Amino acid sequence: MRQDLVVDTGRLIAALRARVEELVYENALLSAAVDQQRDEINELKGAHSAGDHRR
């Protein structure tokens, strides 16, 4: 016997909105981490170049 699946669209939309909010937050954290790592790499490159007198 086959039964139709009953979906509460309001609950589904609320769950999807909550997940989108989580993803937006995670994306912001990852973006900030990437920016921080890029800044640290650039600082290290600058320090390395400043100490390199072999040119």
N, C-alpha and C. Protein backbone atom coordinates (compact mmCIF):
# COMPACT_ATOMS: atom_id res chain seq x y z
N MET A 1 0.84 -1.18 0.00
CA MET A 1 0.00 0.00 0.00
C MET A 1 0.89 1.24 0.00
N ARG A 2 0.59 2.15 -0.87
CA ARG A 2 1.39 3.36 -1.02
C ARG A 2 0.66 4.55 -0.39
N GLN A 3 1.43 5.34 0.39
CA GLN A 3 0.84 6.53 1.01
C GLN A 3 1.55 7.76 0.49
N ASP A 4 0.79 8.81 0.35
CA ASP A 4 1.39 10.08 -0.07
C ASP A 4 2.17 10.69 1.07
N LEU A 5 3.25 11.32 0.72
CA LEU A 5 4.07 12.01 1.71
C LEU A 5 3.46 13.39 1.96
N VAL A 6 3.19 13.67 3.21
CA VAL A 6 2.62 14.97 3.56
C VAL A 6 3.75 15.84 4.10
N VAL A 7 3.93 16.97 3.47
CA VAL A 7 5.01 17.88 3.84
C VAL A 7 4.42 19.18 4.35
N ASP A 8 4.86 19.58 5.52
CA ASP A 8 4.45 20.87 6.07
C ASP A 8 5.39 21.92 5.49
N THR A 9 4.91 22.64 4.50
CA THR A 9 5.78 23.58 3.79
C THR A 9 6.31 24.68 4.71
N GLY A 10 5.53 25.08 5.68
CA GLY A 10 5.99 26.10 6.62
C GLY A 10 7.20 25.63 7.41
N ARG A 11 7.15 24.40 7.90
CA ARG A 11 8.28 23.84 8.65
C ARG A 11 9.48 23.62 7.74
N LEU A 12 9.21 23.19 6.51
CA LEU A 12 10.30 22.98 5.55
C LEU A 12 11.01 24.30 5.26
N ILE A 13 10.25 25.33 5.01
CA ILE A 13 10.84 26.64 4.73
C ILE A 13 11.61 27.16 5.93
N ALA A 14 11.08 26.97 7.12
CA ALA A 14 11.78 27.41 8.33
C ALA A 14 13.10 26.66 8.50
N ALA A 15 13.09 25.37 8.23
CA ALA A 15 14.32 24.57 8.35
C ALA A 15 15.35 25.01 7.31
N LEU A 16 14.89 25.27 6.09
CA LEU A 16 15.81 25.72 5.05
C LEU A 16 16.39 27.10 5.36
N ARG A 17 15.56 27.98 5.88
CA ARG A 17 16.06 29.31 6.27
C ARG A 17 17.10 29.21 7.38
N ALA A 18 16.85 28.34 8.34
CA ALA A 18 17.81 28.15 9.43
C ALA A 18 19.13 27.62 8.88
N ARG A 19 19.05 26.68 7.94
CA ARG A 19 20.28 26.12 7.36
C ARG A 19 21.03 27.18 6.56
N VAL A 20 20.30 28.00 5.82
CA VAL A 20 20.93 29.08 5.06
C VAL A 20 21.66 30.02 6.01
N GLU A 21 21.04 30.36 7.14
CA GLU A 21 21.69 31.23 8.12
C GLU A 21 22.98 30.59 8.65
N GLU A 22 22.94 29.28 8.90
CA GLU A 22 24.14 28.58 9.36
C GLU A 22 25.23 28.65 8.30
N LEU A 23 24.87 28.44 7.05
CA LEU A 23 25.85 28.47 5.97
C LEU A 23 26.43 29.87 5.78
N VAL A 24 25.60 30.88 5.92
CA VAL A 24 26.09 32.26 5.80
C VAL A 24 27.10 32.54 6.90
N TYR A 25 26.80 32.09 8.11
CA TYR A 25 27.72 32.29 9.23
C TYR A 25 29.03 31.53 9.01
N GLU A 26 28.93 30.27 8.58
CA GLU A 26 30.12 29.48 8.32
C GLU A 26 30.96 30.11 7.21
N ASN A 27 30.30 30.62 6.19
CA ASN A 27 31.01 31.27 5.08
C ASN A 27 31.75 32.51 5.58
N ALA A 28 31.12 33.29 6.44
CA ALA A 28 31.77 34.49 6.98
C ALA A 28 33.00 34.11 7.80
N LEU A 29 32.90 33.05 8.60
CA LEU A 29 34.05 32.60 9.39
C LEU A 29 35.18 32.14 8.49
N LEU A 30 34.86 31.35 7.48
CA LEU A 30 35.89 30.87 6.57
C LEU A 30 36.53 32.01 5.78
N SER A 31 35.73 32.96 5.38
CA SER A 31 36.26 34.11 4.65
C SER A 31 37.21 34.91 5.52
N ALA A 32 36.85 35.11 6.77
CA ALA A 32 37.73 35.83 7.70
C ALA A 32 39.02 35.05 7.93
N ALA A 33 38.93 33.74 8.03
CA ALA A 33 40.12 32.91 8.23
C ALA A 33 41.03 32.99 7.02
N VAL A 34 40.46 32.95 5.83
CA VAL A 34 41.26 33.06 4.60
C VAL A 34 41.95 34.42 4.55
N ASP A 35 41.23 35.47 4.86
CA ASP A 35 41.82 36.81 4.86
C ASP A 35 42.97 36.90 5.86
N GLN A 36 42.77 36.32 7.03
CA GLN A 36 43.81 36.34 8.06
C GLN A 36 45.05 35.58 7.59
N GLN A 37 44.84 34.42 7.00
CA GLN A 37 45.97 33.63 6.51
C GLN A 37 46.70 34.36 5.39
N ARG A 38 45.96 35.00 4.50
CA ARG A 38 46.57 35.76 3.41
C ARG A 38 47.41 36.90 3.97
N ASP A 39 46.89 37.60 4.98
CA ASP A 39 47.65 38.68 5.60
C ASP A 39 48.93 38.17 6.24
N GLU A 40 48.83 37.03 6.93
CA GLU A 40 50.01 36.46 7.57
C GLU A 40 51.05 36.03 6.54
N ILE A 41 50.61 35.44 5.44
CA ILE A 41 51.53 35.04 4.37
C ILE A 41 52.20 36.26 3.78
N ASN A 42 51.42 37.30 3.52
CA ASN A 42 52.00 38.53 2.96
C ASN A 42 53.00 39.16 3.91
N GLU A 43 52.71 39.11 5.21
CA GLU A 43 53.66 39.64 6.20
C GLU A 43 54.95 38.83 6.20
N LEU A 44 54.82 37.53 6.12
CA LEU A 44 56.01 36.67 6.09
C LEU A 44 56.82 36.90 4.82
N LYS A 45 56.15 37.05 3.72
CA LYS A 45 56.85 37.33 2.46
C LYS A 45 57.58 38.67 2.55
N GLY A 46 56.90 39.67 3.14
CA GLY A 46 57.52 40.98 3.29
C GLY A 46 58.73 40.92 4.20
N ALA A 47 58.64 40.18 5.29
CA ALA A 47 59.77 40.04 6.21
C ALA A 47 60.91 39.29 5.53
N HIS A 48 60.57 38.30 4.74
CA HIS A 48 61.59 37.52 4.04
C HIS A 48 62.28 38.40 3.00
N SER A 49 61.51 39.19 2.26
CA SER A 49 62.08 40.06 1.24
C SER A 49 62.94 41.16 1.86
N ALA A 50 62.52 41.67 3.01
CA ALA A 50 63.28 42.74 3.68
C ALA A 50 64.63 42.22 4.17
N GLY A 51 64.71 40.95 4.51
CA GLY A 51 65.95 40.38 5.00
C GLY A 51 66.80 39.77 3.91
N ASP A 52 66.32 39.80 2.68
CA ASP A 52 67.03 39.19 1.56
C ASP A 52 67.89 40.25 0.87
N HIS A 53 69.21 40.16 1.06
CA HIS A 53 70.12 41.17 0.49
C HIS A 53 70.91 40.60 -0.68
N ARG A 54 70.49 39.48 -1.25
CA ARG A 54 71.25 38.86 -2.33
C ARG A 54 70.94 39.44 -3.68
N ARG A 55 70.16 40.46 -3.78
CA ARG A 55 69.78 41.01 -5.08
C ARG A 55 70.92 41.68 -5.66
